[in-house]
Amino acid sequence: MLGLAGCATAPEDIAPAYVSPVAYKGLSCNQIAAEMQRVSGAAQQASGVQQKNRTQDKWLTAATIVVFWPAAFFTHGDGANAAQLARLKGEMQALQQTANLKRCKIKMQQMG
């Protein structure tokens, strides 16, 4: 569909931002697991917001094409929420790397 360039990206298509695992090297396996749980919850929340933004943008884009072109100015696109989701995904990867290096028996949950 023409005009979708300004739409918010699907949460699953947002690539993780690089986060150094060094920040987590002083944590125990239990602390890593707790941090993974916290980050996962925040990522799920950010993913939900991103999906909501994407859905709203699609509807606004359709309205723009069919009825009211100024509606294009109200699309969310990728902004702070997408950046936050990318960072959280990167944190999860860094935590998993640290857990693997420490031989913790923790597996990362899949995120959208």
PDB file of N, CA and C in Angstrom:
ATOM      1  N   MET A   1       0.851  -1.184   0.000  1.00  0.00           N
ATOM      2  CA  MET A   1       0.000   0.000   0.000  1.00  0.00           C
ATOM      3  C   MET A   1       0.891   1.239   0.000  1.00  0.00           C
ATOM      4  N   LEU A   2       0.607   2.187  -0.845  1.00  0.00           N
ATOM      5  CA  LEU A   2       1.343   3.426  -0.940  1.00  0.00           C
ATOM      6  C   LEU A   2       1.207   4.230   0.346  1.00  0.00           C
ATOM      7  N   GLY A   3       2.307   4.806   0.817  1.00  0.00           N
ATOM      8  CA  GLY A   3       2.235   5.664   1.980  1.00  0.00           C
ATOM      9  C   GLY A   3       2.525   4.978   3.301  1.00  0.00           C
ATOM     10  N   LEU A   4       2.857   3.699   3.297  1.00  0.00           N
ATOM     11  CA  LEU A   4       3.123   3.012   4.555  1.00  0.00           C
ATOM     12  C   LEU A   4       4.519   3.283   5.087  1.00  0.00           C
ATOM     13  N   ALA A   5       5.311   4.057   4.391  1.00  0.00           N
ATOM     14  CA  ALA A   5       6.676   4.327   4.821  1.00  0.00           C
ATOM     15  C   ALA A   5       6.740   4.988   6.189  1.00  0.00           C
ATOM     16  N   GLY A   6       5.724   5.760   6.572  1.00  0.00           N
ATOM     17  CA  GLY A   6       5.715   6.438   7.854  1.00  0.00           C
ATOM     18  C   GLY A   6       5.120   5.613   8.974  1.00  0.00           C
ATOM     19  N   CYS A   7       4.703   4.396   8.660  1.00  0.00           N
ATOM     20  CA  CYS A   7       4.079   3.546   9.671  1.00  0.00           C
ATOM     21  C   CYS A   7       5.113   2.997  10.641  1.00  0.00           C
ATOM     22  N   ALA A   8       4.653   2.739  11.845  1.00  0.00           N
ATOM     23  CA  ALA A   8       5.504   2.125  12.855  1.00  0.00           C
ATOM     24  C   ALA A   8       5.861   0.703  12.417  1.00  0.00           C
ATOM     25  N   THR A   9       7.078   0.300  12.692  1.00  0.00           N
ATOM     26  CA  THR A   9       7.573  -1.032  12.354  1.00  0.00           C
ATOM     27  C   THR A   9       6.946  -2.073  13.273  1.00  0.00           C
ATOM     28  N   ALA A  10       6.700  -3.259  12.736  1.00  0.00           N
ATOM     29  CA  ALA A  10       6.196  -4.358  13.551  1.00  0.00           C
ATOM     30  C   ALA A  10       7.228  -4.683  14.630  1.00  0.00           C
ATOM     31  N   PRO A  11       6.794  -4.966  15.853  1.00  0.00           N
ATOM     32  CA  PRO A  11       7.735  -5.223  16.954  1.00  0.00           C
ATOM     33  C   PRO A  11       8.756  -6.310  16.629  1.00  0.00           C
ATOM     34  N   GLU A  12       8.310  -7.369  15.962  1.00  0.00           N
ATOM     35  CA  GLU A  12       9.229  -8.467  15.656  1.00  0.00           C
ATOM     36  C   GLU A  12      10.276  -8.099  14.614  1.00  0.00           C
ATOM     37  N   ASP A  13      10.064  -6.989  13.886  1.00  0.00           N
ATOM     38  CA  ASP A  13      11.013  -6.549  12.870  1.00  0.00           C
ATOM     39  C   ASP A  13      12.026  -5.535  13.405  1.00  0.00           C
ATOM     40  N   ILE A  14      11.900  -5.152  14.653  1.00  0.00           N
ATOM     41  CA  ILE A  14      12.854  -4.208  15.249  1.00  0.00           C
ATOM     42  C   ILE A  14      14.073  -4.981  15.718  1.00  0.00           C
ATOM     43  N   ALA A  15      15.208  -4.621  15.178  1.00  0.00           N
ATOM     44  CA  ALA A  15      16.464  -5.304  15.521  1.00  0.00           C
ATOM     45  C   ALA A  15      16.957  -4.848  16.888  1.00  0.00           C
ATOM     46  N   PRO A  16      17.599  -5.753  17.612  1.00  0.00           N
ATOM     47  CA  PRO A  16      18.160  -5.373  18.916  1.00  0.00           C
ATOM     48  C   PRO A  16      19.292  -4.357  18.748  1.00  0.00           C
ATOM     49  N   ALA A  17      19.357  -3.404  19.639  1.00  0.00           N
ATOM     50  CA  ALA A  17      20.483  -2.480  19.687  1.00  0.00           C
ATOM     51  C   ALA A  17      21.613  -3.173  20.448  1.00  0.00           C
ATOM     52  N   TYR A  18      22.845  -2.825  20.132  1.00  0.00           N
ATOM     53  CA  TYR A  18      23.965  -3.450  20.827  1.00  0.00           C
ATOM     54  C   TYR A  18      24.017  -2.956  22.275  1.00  0.00           C
ATOM     55  N   VAL A  19      24.113  -3.889  23.194  1.00  0.00           N
ATOM     56  CA  VAL A  19      24.320  -3.597  24.612  1.00  0.00           C
ATOM     57  C   VAL A  19      25.470  -4.493  25.059  1.00  0.00           C
ATOM     58  N   SER A  20      26.478  -3.915  25.658  1.00  0.00           N
ATOM     59  CA  SER A  20      27.641  -4.680  26.090  1.00  0.00           C
ATOM     60  C   SER A  20      27.289  -5.596  27.260  1.00  0.00           C
ATOM     61  N   PRO A  21      27.689  -6.863  27.181  1.00  0.00           N
ATOM     62  CA  PRO A  21      27.448  -7.782  28.291  1.00  0.00           C
ATOM     63  C   PRO A  21      28.318  -7.481  29.512  1.00  0.00           C
ATOM     64  N   VAL A  22      29.313  -6.630  29.351  1.00  0.00           N
ATOM     65  CA  VAL A  22      30.220  -6.280  30.452  1.00  0.00           C
ATOM     66  C   VAL A  22      29.443  -5.693  31.633  1.00  0.00           C
ATOM     67  N   ALA A  23      28.376  -4.983  31.349  1.00  0.00           N
ATOM     68  CA  ALA A  23      27.578  -4.361  32.411  1.00  0.00           C
ATOM     69  C   ALA A  23      26.982  -5.394  33.364  1.00  0.00           C
ATOM     70  N   TYR A  24      26.860  -6.628  32.905  1.00  0.00           N
ATOM     71  CA  TYR A  24      26.206  -7.662  33.708  1.00  0.00           C
ATOM     72  C   TYR A  24      27.178  -8.700  34.275  1.00  0.00           C
ATOM     73  N   LYS A  25      28.458  -8.556  34.020  1.00  0.00           N
ATOM     74  CA  LYS A  25      29.402  -9.613  34.391  1.00  0.00           C
ATOM     75  C   LYS A  25      29.539  -9.802  35.897  1.00  0.00           C
ATOM     76  N   GLY A  26      29.210  -8.803  36.691  1.00  0.00           N
ATOM     77  CA  GLY A  26      29.293  -8.921  38.142  1.00  0.00           C
ATOM     78  C   GLY A  26      28.063  -9.561  38.785  1.00  0.00           C
ATOM     79  N   LEU A  27      27.066  -9.897  37.980  1.00  0.00           N
ATOM     80  CA  LEU A  27      25.833 -10.467  38.520  1.00  0.00           C
ATOM     81  C   LEU A  27      25.939 -11.980  38.685  1.00  0.00           C
ATOM     82  N   SER A  28      25.260 -12.494  39.693  1.00  0.00           N
ATOM     83  CA  SER A  28      25.149 -13.942  39.875  1.00  0.00           C
ATOM     84  C   SER A  28      24.104 -14.483  38.904  1.00  0.00           C
ATOM     85  N   CYS A  29      24.028 -15.801  38.779  1.00  0.00           N
ATOM     86  CA  CYS A  29      23.016 -16.410  37.904  1.00  0.00           C
ATOM     87  C   CYS A  29      21.608 -16.012  38.341  1.00  0.00           C
ATOM     88  N   ASN A  30      21.360 -15.990  39.643  1.00  0.00           N
ATOM     89  CA  ASN A  30      20.028 -15.587  40.132  1.00  0.00           C
ATOM     90  C   ASN A  30      19.733 -14.133  39.796  1.00  0.00           C
ATOM     91  N   GLN A  31      20.731 -13.276  39.907  1.00  0.00           N
ATOM     92  CA  GLN A  31      20.539 -11.863  39.574  1.00  0.00           C
ATOM     93  C   GLN A  31      20.315 -11.687  38.072  1.00  0.00           C
ATOM     94  N   ILE A  32      21.029 -12.459  37.268  1.00  0.00           N
ATOM     95  CA  ILE A  32      20.834 -12.405  35.814  1.00  0.00           C
ATOM     96  C   ILE A  32      19.410 -12.834  35.473  1.00  0.00           C
ATOM     97  N   ALA A  33      18.946 -13.909  36.088  1.00  0.00           N
ATOM     98  CA  ALA A  33      17.580 -14.393  35.837  1.00  0.00           C
ATOM     99  C   ALA A  33      16.542 -13.338  36.218  1.00  0.00           C
ATOM    100  N   ALA A  34      16.747 -12.696  37.358  1.00  0.00           N
ATOM    101  CA  ALA A  34      15.809 -11.651  37.793  1.00  0.00           C
ATOM    102  C   ALA A  34      15.827 -10.460  36.831  1.00  0.00           C
ATOM    103  N   GLU A  35      17.014 -10.079  36.382  1.00  0.00           N
ATOM    104  CA  GLU A  35      17.131  -8.963  35.441  1.00  0.00           C
ATOM    105  C   GLU A  35      16.499  -9.328  34.097  1.00  0.00           C
ATOM    106  N   MET A  36      16.685 -10.572  33.668  1.00  0.00           N
ATOM    107  CA  MET A  36      16.059 -11.016  32.416  1.00  0.00           C
ATOM    108  C   MET A  36      14.541 -10.934  32.521  1.00  0.00           C
ATOM    109  N   GLN A  37      14.023 -11.305  33.656  1.00  0.00           N
ATOM    110  CA  GLN A  37      12.573 -11.262  33.859  1.00  0.00           C
ATOM    111  C   GLN A  37      12.072  -9.817  33.812  1.00  0.00           C
ATOM    112  N   ARG A  38      12.799  -8.907  34.457  1.00  0.00           N
ATOM    113  CA  ARG A  38      12.411  -7.497  34.455  1.00  0.00           C
ATOM    114  C   ARG A  38      12.465  -6.924  33.038  1.00  0.00           C
ATOM    115  N   VAL A  39      13.570  -7.183  32.338  1.00  0.00           N
ATOM    116  CA  VAL A  39      13.742  -6.649  30.981  1.00  0.00           C
ATOM    117  C   VAL A  39      12.711  -7.256  30.031  1.00  0.00           C
ATOM    118  N   SER A  40      12.436  -8.535  30.192  1.00  0.00           N
ATOM    119  CA  SER A  40      11.445  -9.200  29.349  1.00  0.00           C
ATOM    120  C   SER A  40      10.062  -8.567  29.527  1.00  0.00           C
ATOM    121  N   GLY A  41       9.688  -8.289  30.768  1.00  0.00           N
ATOM    122  CA  GLY A  41       8.400  -7.636  31.025  1.00  0.00           C
ATOM    123  C   GLY A  41       8.317  -6.265  30.393  1.00  0.00           C
ATOM    124  N   ALA A  42       9.402  -5.490  30.516  1.00  0.00           N
ATOM    125  CA  ALA A  42       9.433  -4.157  29.907  1.00  0.00           C
ATOM    126  C   ALA A  42       9.383  -4.260  28.386  1.00  0.00           C
ATOM    127  N   ALA A  43      10.072  -5.261  27.819  1.00  0.00           N
ATOM    128  CA  ALA A  43      10.077  -5.447  26.367  1.00  0.00           C
ATOM    129  C   ALA A  43       8.694  -5.855  25.870  1.00  0.00           C
ATOM    130  N   GLN A  44       8.008  -6.695  26.624  1.00  0.00           N
ATOM    131  CA  GLN A  44       6.657  -7.098  26.228  1.00  0.00           C
ATOM    132  C   GLN A  44       5.721  -5.890  26.226  1.00  0.00           C
ATOM    133  N   GLN A  45       5.875  -5.035  27.222  1.00  0.00           N
ATOM    134  CA  GLN A  45       5.043  -3.830  27.284  1.00  0.00           C
ATOM    135  C   GLN A  45       5.357  -2.913  26.098  1.00  0.00           C
ATOM    136  N   ALA A  46       6.636  -2.690  25.825  1.00  0.00           N
ATOM    137  CA  ALA A  46       7.033  -1.838  24.701  1.00  0.00           C
ATOM    138  C   ALA A  46       6.585  -2.439  23.372  1.00  0.00           C
ATOM    139  N   SER A  47       6.623  -3.763  23.273  1.00  0.00           N
ATOM    140  CA  SER A  47       6.169  -4.449  22.069  1.00  0.00           C
ATOM    141  C   SER A  47       4.674  -4.221  21.847  1.00  0.00           C
ATOM    142  N   GLY A  48       3.904  -4.263  22.918  1.00  0.00           N
ATOM    143  CA  GLY A  48       2.468  -4.002  22.824  1.00  0.00           C
ATOM    144  C   GLY A  48       2.177  -2.589  22.355  1.00  0.00           C
ATOM    145  N   VAL A  49       2.906  -1.627  22.890  1.00  0.00           N
ATOM    146  CA  VAL A  49       2.740  -0.232  22.473  1.00  0.00           C
ATOM    147  C   VAL A  49       3.122  -0.079  21.005  1.00  0.00           C
ATOM    148  N   GLN A  50       4.217  -0.738  20.604  1.00  0.00           N
ATOM    149  CA  GLN A  50       4.663  -0.648  19.211  1.00  0.00           C
ATOM    150  C   GLN A  50       3.618  -1.233  18.272  1.00  0.00           C
ATOM    151  N   GLN A  51       3.035  -2.365  18.653  1.00  0.00           N
ATOM    152  CA  GLN A  51       2.004  -2.984  17.818  1.00  0.00           C
ATOM    153  C   GLN A  51       0.769  -2.087  17.729  1.00  0.00           C
ATOM    154  N   LYS A  52       0.402  -1.458  18.841  1.00  0.00           N
ATOM    155  CA  LYS A  52      -0.735  -0.531  18.844  1.00  0.00           C
ATOM    156  C   LYS A  52      -0.447   0.654  17.913  1.00  0.00           C
ATOM    157  N   ASN A  53       0.770   1.203  17.992  1.00  0.00           N
ATOM    158  CA  ASN A  53       1.151   2.311  17.112  1.00  0.00           C
ATOM    159  C   ASN A  53       1.082   1.889  15.649  1.00  0.00           C
ATOM    160  N   ARG A  54       1.550   0.675  15.367  1.00  0.00           N
ATOM    161  CA  ARG A  54       1.533   0.173  13.989  1.00  0.00           C
ATOM    162  C   ARG A  54       0.102   0.055  13.475  1.00  0.00           C
ATOM    163  N   THR A  55      -0.780  -0.499  14.288  1.00  0.00           N
ATOM    164  CA  THR A  55      -2.181  -0.654  13.886  1.00  0.00           C
ATOM    165  C   THR A  55      -2.827   0.705  13.641  1.00  0.00           C
ATOM    166  N   GLN A  56      -2.603   1.652  14.554  1.00  0.00           N
ATOM    167  CA  GLN A  56      -3.172   2.991  14.381  1.00  0.00           C
ATOM    168  C   GLN A  56      -2.626   3.666  13.130  1.00  0.00           C
ATOM    169  N   ASP A  57      -1.329   3.494  12.879  1.00  0.00           N
ATOM    170  CA  ASP A  57      -0.734   4.100  11.692  1.00  0.00           C
ATOM    171  C   ASP A  57      -1.334   3.531  10.413  1.00  0.00           C
ATOM    172  N   LYS A  58      -1.585   2.222  10.396  1.00  0.00           N
ATOM    173  CA  LYS A  58      -2.187   1.617   9.208  1.00  0.00           C
ATOM    174  C   LYS A  58      -3.567   2.209   8.944  1.00  0.00           C
ATOM    175  N   TRP A  59      -4.361   2.367  10.002  1.00  0.00           N
ATOM    176  CA  TRP A  59      -5.701   2.942   9.836  1.00  0.00           C
ATOM    177  C   TRP A  59      -5.630   4.395   9.390  1.00  0.00           C
ATOM    178  N   LEU A  60      -4.708   5.149   9.962  1.00  0.00           N
ATOM    179  CA  LEU A  60      -4.573   6.555   9.567  1.00  0.00           C
ATOM    180  C   LEU A  60      -4.094   6.678   8.129  1.00  0.00           C
ATOM    181  N   THR A  61      -3.197   5.783   7.740  1.00  0.00           N
ATOM    182  CA  THR A  61      -2.712   5.808   6.365  1.00  0.00           C
ATOM    183  C   THR A  61      -3.841   5.499   5.393  1.00  0.00           C
ATOM    184  N   ALA A  62      -4.664   4.516   5.736  1.00  0.00           N
ATOM    185  CA  ALA A  62      -5.809   4.191   4.879  1.00  0.00           C
ATOM    186  C   ALA A  62      -6.753   5.386   4.784  1.00  0.00           C
ATOM    187  N   ALA A  63      -6.994   6.046   5.903  1.00  0.00           N
ATOM    188  CA  ALA A  63      -7.867   7.229   5.907  1.00  0.00           C
ATOM    189  C   ALA A  63      -7.246   8.348   5.085  1.00  0.00           C
ATOM    190  N   THR A  64      -5.935   8.457   5.154  1.00  0.00           N
ATOM    191  CA  THR A  64      -5.222   9.490   4.410  1.00  0.00           C
ATOM    192  C   THR A  64      -5.412   9.301   2.917  1.00  0.00           C
ATOM    193  N   ILE A  65      -5.250   8.081   2.471  1.00  0.00           N
ATOM    194  CA  ILE A  65      -5.338   7.798   1.044  1.00  0.00           C
ATOM    195  C   ILE A  65      -6.768   7.971   0.542  1.00  0.00           C
ATOM    196  N   VAL A  66      -7.717   7.537   1.340  1.00  0.00           N
ATOM    197  CA  VAL A  66      -9.106   7.530   0.885  1.00  0.00           C
ATOM    198  C   VAL A  66      -9.814   8.851   1.117  1.00  0.00           C
ATOM    199  N   VAL A  67      -9.618   9.460   2.287  1.00  0.00           N
ATOM    200  CA  VAL A  67     -10.485  10.568   2.663  1.00  0.00           C
ATOM    201  C   VAL A  67      -9.759  11.874   2.948  1.00  0.00           C
ATOM    202  N   PHE A  68      -8.794  11.836   3.841  1.00  0.00           N
ATOM    203  CA  PHE A  68      -8.316  13.076   4.455  1.00  0.00           C
ATOM    204  C   PHE A  68      -6.800  13.092   4.548  1.00  0.00           C
ATOM    205  N   TRP A  69      -6.109  13.650   3.550  1.00  0.00           N
ATOM    206  CA  TRP A  69      -4.653  13.594   3.518  1.00  0.00           C
ATOM    207  C   TRP A  69      -3.965  14.211   4.730  1.00  0.00           C
ATOM    208  N   PRO A  70      -4.511  15.247   5.421  1.00  0.00           N
ATOM    209  CA  PRO A  70      -3.803  15.771   6.600  1.00  0.00           C
ATOM    210  C   PRO A  70      -3.672  14.758   7.735  1.00  0.00           C
ATOM    211  N   ALA A  71      -4.427  13.678   7.690  1.00  0.00           N
ATOM    212  CA  ALA A  71      -4.295  12.635   8.722  1.00  0.00           C
ATOM    213  C   ALA A  71      -2.904  12.019   8.705  1.00  0.00           C
ATOM    214  N   ALA A  72      -2.183  12.153   7.613  1.00  0.00           N
ATOM    215  CA  ALA A  72      -0.825  11.600   7.517  1.00  0.00           C
ATOM    216  C   ALA A  72       0.104  12.185   8.573  1.00  0.00           C
ATOM    217  N   PHE A  73      -0.202  13.383   9.046  1.00  0.00           N
ATOM    218  CA  PHE A  73       0.643  14.021  10.055  1.00  0.00           C
ATOM    219  C   PHE A  73       0.475  13.421  11.442  1.00  0.00           C
ATOM    220  N   PHE A  74      -0.488  12.518  11.615  1.00  0.00           N
ATOM    221  CA  PHE A  74      -0.753  11.942  12.926  1.00  0.00           C
ATOM    222  C   PHE A  74      -0.231  10.519  13.092  1.00  0.00           C
ATOM    223  N   THR A  75       0.482   9.999  12.098  1.00  0.00           N
ATOM    224  CA  THR A  75       1.046   8.664  12.241  1.00  0.00           C
ATOM    225  C   THR A  75       2.189   8.701  13.246  1.00  0.00           C
ATOM    226  N   HIS A  76       2.396   7.580  13.932  1.00  0.00           N
ATOM    227  CA  HIS A  76       3.437   7.502  14.959  1.00  0.00           C
ATOM    228  C   HIS A  76       4.818   7.268  14.362  1.00  0.00           C
ATOM    229  N   GLY A  77       4.897   6.421  13.348  1.00  0.00           N
ATOM    230  CA  GLY A  77       6.191   6.059  12.795  1.00  0.00           C
ATOM    231  C   GLY A  77       7.023   5.379  13.867  1.00  0.00           C
ATOM    232  N   ASP A  78       8.311   5.327  13.663  1.00  0.00           N
ATOM    233  CA  ASP A  78       9.207   4.741  14.657  1.00  0.00           C
ATOM    234  C   ASP A  78       9.872   5.868  15.433  1.00  0.00           C
ATOM    235  N   GLY A  79       9.584   5.910  16.706  1.00  0.00           N
ATOM    236  CA  GLY A  79      10.147   6.957  17.546  1.00  0.00           C
ATOM    237  C   GLY A  79      10.777   6.372  18.785  1.00  0.00           C
ATOM    238  N   ALA A  80      10.513   7.007  19.909  1.00  0.00           N
ATOM    239  CA  ALA A  80      11.120   6.627  21.183  1.00  0.00           C
ATOM    240  C   ALA A  80      10.761   5.208  21.590  1.00  0.00           C
ATOM    241  N   ASN A  81       9.534   4.791  21.331  1.00  0.00           N
ATOM    242  CA  ASN A  81       9.142   3.435  21.734  1.00  0.00           C
ATOM    243  C   ASN A  81       9.920   2.378  20.966  1.00  0.00           C
ATOM    244  N   ALA A  82      10.105   2.583  19.665  1.00  0.00           N
ATOM    245  CA  ALA A  82      10.872   1.629  18.860  1.00  0.00           C
ATOM    246  C   ALA A  82      12.322   1.571  19.342  1.00  0.00           C
ATOM    247  N   ALA A  83      12.884   2.724  19.679  1.00  0.00           N
ATOM    248  CA  ALA A  83      14.259   2.760  20.200  1.00  0.00           C
ATOM    249  C   ALA A  83      14.348   2.043  21.544  1.00  0.00           C
ATOM    250  N   GLN A  84      13.342   2.225  22.382  1.00  0.00           N
ATOM    251  CA  GLN A  84      13.322   1.540  23.679  1.00  0.00           C
ATOM    252  C   GLN A  84      13.230   0.033  23.487  1.00  0.00           C
ATOM    253  N   LEU A  85      12.391  -0.413  22.570  1.00  0.00           N
ATOM    254  CA  LEU A  85      12.245  -1.839  22.309  1.00  0.00           C
ATOM    255  C   LEU A  85      13.555  -2.419  21.782  1.00  0.00           C
ATOM    256  N   ALA A  86      14.232  -1.721  20.895  1.00  0.00           N
ATOM    257  CA  ALA A  86      15.523  -2.177  20.370  1.00  0.00           C
ATOM    258  C   ALA A  86      16.543  -2.301  21.503  1.00  0.00           C
ATOM    259  N   ARG A  87      16.558  -1.325  22.401  1.00  0.00           N
ATOM    260  CA  ARG A  87      17.490  -1.366  23.532  1.00  0.00           C
ATOM    261  C   ARG A  87      17.183  -2.543  24.450  1.00  0.00           C
ATOM    262  N   LEU A  88      15.908  -2.757  24.749  1.00  0.00           N
ATOM    263  CA  LEU A  88      15.517  -3.865  25.621  1.00  0.00           C
ATOM    264  C   LEU A  88      15.875  -5.215  24.998  1.00  0.00           C
ATOM    265  N   LYS A  89      15.683  -5.351  23.702  1.00  0.00           N
ATOM    266  CA  LYS A  89      16.082  -6.579  23.019  1.00  0.00           C
ATOM    267  C   LYS A  89      17.596  -6.772  23.122  1.00  0.00           C
ATOM    268  N   GLY A  90      18.333  -5.676  22.993  1.00  0.00           N
ATOM    269  CA  GLY A  90      19.790  -5.745  23.133  1.00  0.00           C
ATOM    270  C   GLY A  90      20.213  -6.131  24.541  1.00  0.00           C
ATOM    271  N   GLU A  91      19.497  -5.605  25.535  1.00  0.00           N
ATOM    272  CA  GLU A  91      19.791  -5.980  26.919  1.00  0.00           C
ATOM    273  C   GLU A  91      19.562  -7.467  27.139  1.00  0.00           C
ATOM    274  N   MET A  92      18.473  -7.998  26.563  1.00  0.00           N
ATOM    275  CA  MET A  92      18.201  -9.424  26.712  1.00  0.00           C
ATOM    276  C   MET A  92      19.317 -10.260  26.081  1.00  0.00           C
ATOM    277  N   GLN A  93      19.815  -9.845  24.937  1.00  0.00           N
ATOM    278  CA  GLN A  93      20.912 -10.568  24.303  1.00  0.00           C
ATOM    279  C   GLN A  93      22.177 -10.516  25.165  1.00  0.00           C
ATOM    280  N   ALA A  94      22.468  -9.342  25.725  1.00  0.00           N
ATOM    281  CA  ALA A  94      23.653  -9.197  26.570  1.00  0.00           C
ATOM    282  C   ALA A  94      23.525 -10.044  27.833  1.00  0.00           C
ATOM    283  N   LEU A  95      22.345 -10.071  28.404  1.00  0.00           N
ATOM    284  CA  LEU A  95      22.106 -10.900  29.590  1.00  0.00           C
ATOM    285  C   LEU A  95      22.265 -12.382  29.256  1.00  0.00           C
ATOM    286  N   GLN A  96      21.761 -12.800  28.102  1.00  0.00           N
ATOM    287  CA  GLN A  96      21.892 -14.201  27.703  1.00  0.00           C
ATOM    288  C   GLN A  96      23.360 -14.556  27.460  1.00  0.00           C
ATOM    289  N   GLN A  97      24.105 -13.649  26.843  1.00  0.00           N
ATOM    290  CA  GLN A  97      25.539 -13.886  26.623  1.00  0.00           C
ATOM    291  C   GLN A  97      26.260 -14.064  27.958  1.00  0.00           C
ATOM    292  N   THR A  98      25.944 -13.204  28.914  1.00  0.00           N
ATOM    293  CA  THR A  98      26.559 -13.284  30.235  1.00  0.00           C
ATOM    294  C   THR A  98      26.173 -14.588  30.922  1.00  0.00           C
ATOM    295  N   ALA A  99      24.904 -14.956  30.833  1.00  0.00           N
ATOM    296  CA  ALA A  99      24.444 -16.216  31.433  1.00  0.00           C
ATOM    297  C   ALA A  99      25.175 -17.404  30.813  1.00  0.00           C
ATOM    298  N   ASN A 100      25.364 -17.377  29.508  1.00  0.00           N
ATOM    299  CA  ASN A 100      26.076 -18.456  28.838  1.00  0.00           C
ATOM    300  C   ASN A 100      27.529 -18.537  29.281  1.00  0.00           C
ATOM    301  N   LEU A 101      28.194 -17.385  29.384  1.00  0.00           N
ATOM    302  CA  LEU A 101      29.596 -17.353  29.821  1.00  0.00           C
ATOM    303  C   LEU A 101      29.757 -17.879  31.244  1.00  0.00           C
ATOM    304  N   LYS A 102      28.780 -17.599  32.081  1.00  0.00           N
ATOM    305  CA  LYS A 102      28.826 -18.037  33.476  1.00  0.00           C
ATOM    306  C   LYS A 102      28.245 -19.440  33.648  1.00  0.00           C
ATOM    307  N   ARG A 103      27.823 -20.033  32.548  1.00  0.00           N
ATOM    308  CA  ARG A 103      27.225 -21.369  32.554  1.00  0.00           C
ATOM    309  C   ARG A 103      25.964 -21.448  33.424  1.00  0.00           C
ATOM    310  N   CYS A 104      25.210 -20.357  33.433  1.00  0.00           N
ATOM    311  CA  CYS A 104      23.919 -20.347  34.126  1.00  0.00           C
ATOM    312  C   CYS A 104      22.929 -21.117  33.258  1.00  0.00           C
ATOM    313  N   LYS A 105      22.037 -21.802  33.874  1.00  0.00           N
ATOM    314  CA  LYS A 105      21.034 -22.568  33.112  1.00  0.00           C
ATOM    315  C   LYS A 105      19.777 -21.707  32.948  1.00  0.00           C
ATOM    316  N   ILE A 106      19.919 -20.656  32.153  1.00  0.00           N
ATOM    317  CA  ILE A 106      18.833 -19.705  31.921  1.00  0.00           C
ATOM    318  C   ILE A 106      18.680 -19.570  30.412  1.00  0.00           C
ATOM    319  N   LYS A 107      17.454 -19.607  29.961  1.00  0.00           N
ATOM    320  CA  LYS A 107      17.182 -19.407  28.531  1.00  0.00           C
ATOM    321  C   LYS A 107      16.281 -18.207  28.346  1.00  0.00           C
ATOM    322  N   MET A 108      16.636 -17.399  27.384  1.00  0.00           N
ATOM    323  CA  MET A 108      15.892 -16.189  27.069  1.00  0.00           C
ATOM    324  C   MET A 108      14.556 -16.547  26.439  1.00  0.00           C
ATOM    325  N   GLN A 109      13.515 -15.819  26.833  1.00  0.00           N
ATOM    326  CA  GLN A 109      12.211 -15.947  26.205  1.00  0.00           C
ATOM    327  C   GLN A 109      12.234 -15.211  24.883  1.00  0.00           C
ATOM    328  N   GLN A 110      11.480 -15.713  23.910  1.00  0.00           N
ATOM    329  CA  GLN A 110      11.369 -15.034  22.630  1.00  0.00           C
ATOM    330  C   GLN A 110      10.551 -13.755  22.794  1.00  0.00           C
ATOM    331  N   MET A 111      11.016 -12.690  22.164  1.00  0.00           N
ATOM    332  CA  MET A 111      10.294 -11.412  22.233  1.00  0.00           C
ATOM    333  C   MET A 111       9.826 -11.029  20.837  1.00  0.00           C
ATOM    334  N   GLY A 112       8.717 -10.281  20.818  1.00  0.00           N
ATOM    335  CA  GLY A 112       8.211  -9.739  19.563  1.00  0.00           C
ATOM    336  C   GLY A 112       8.931  -8.510  19.184  1.00  0.00           C
TER     337      GLY A 112
END
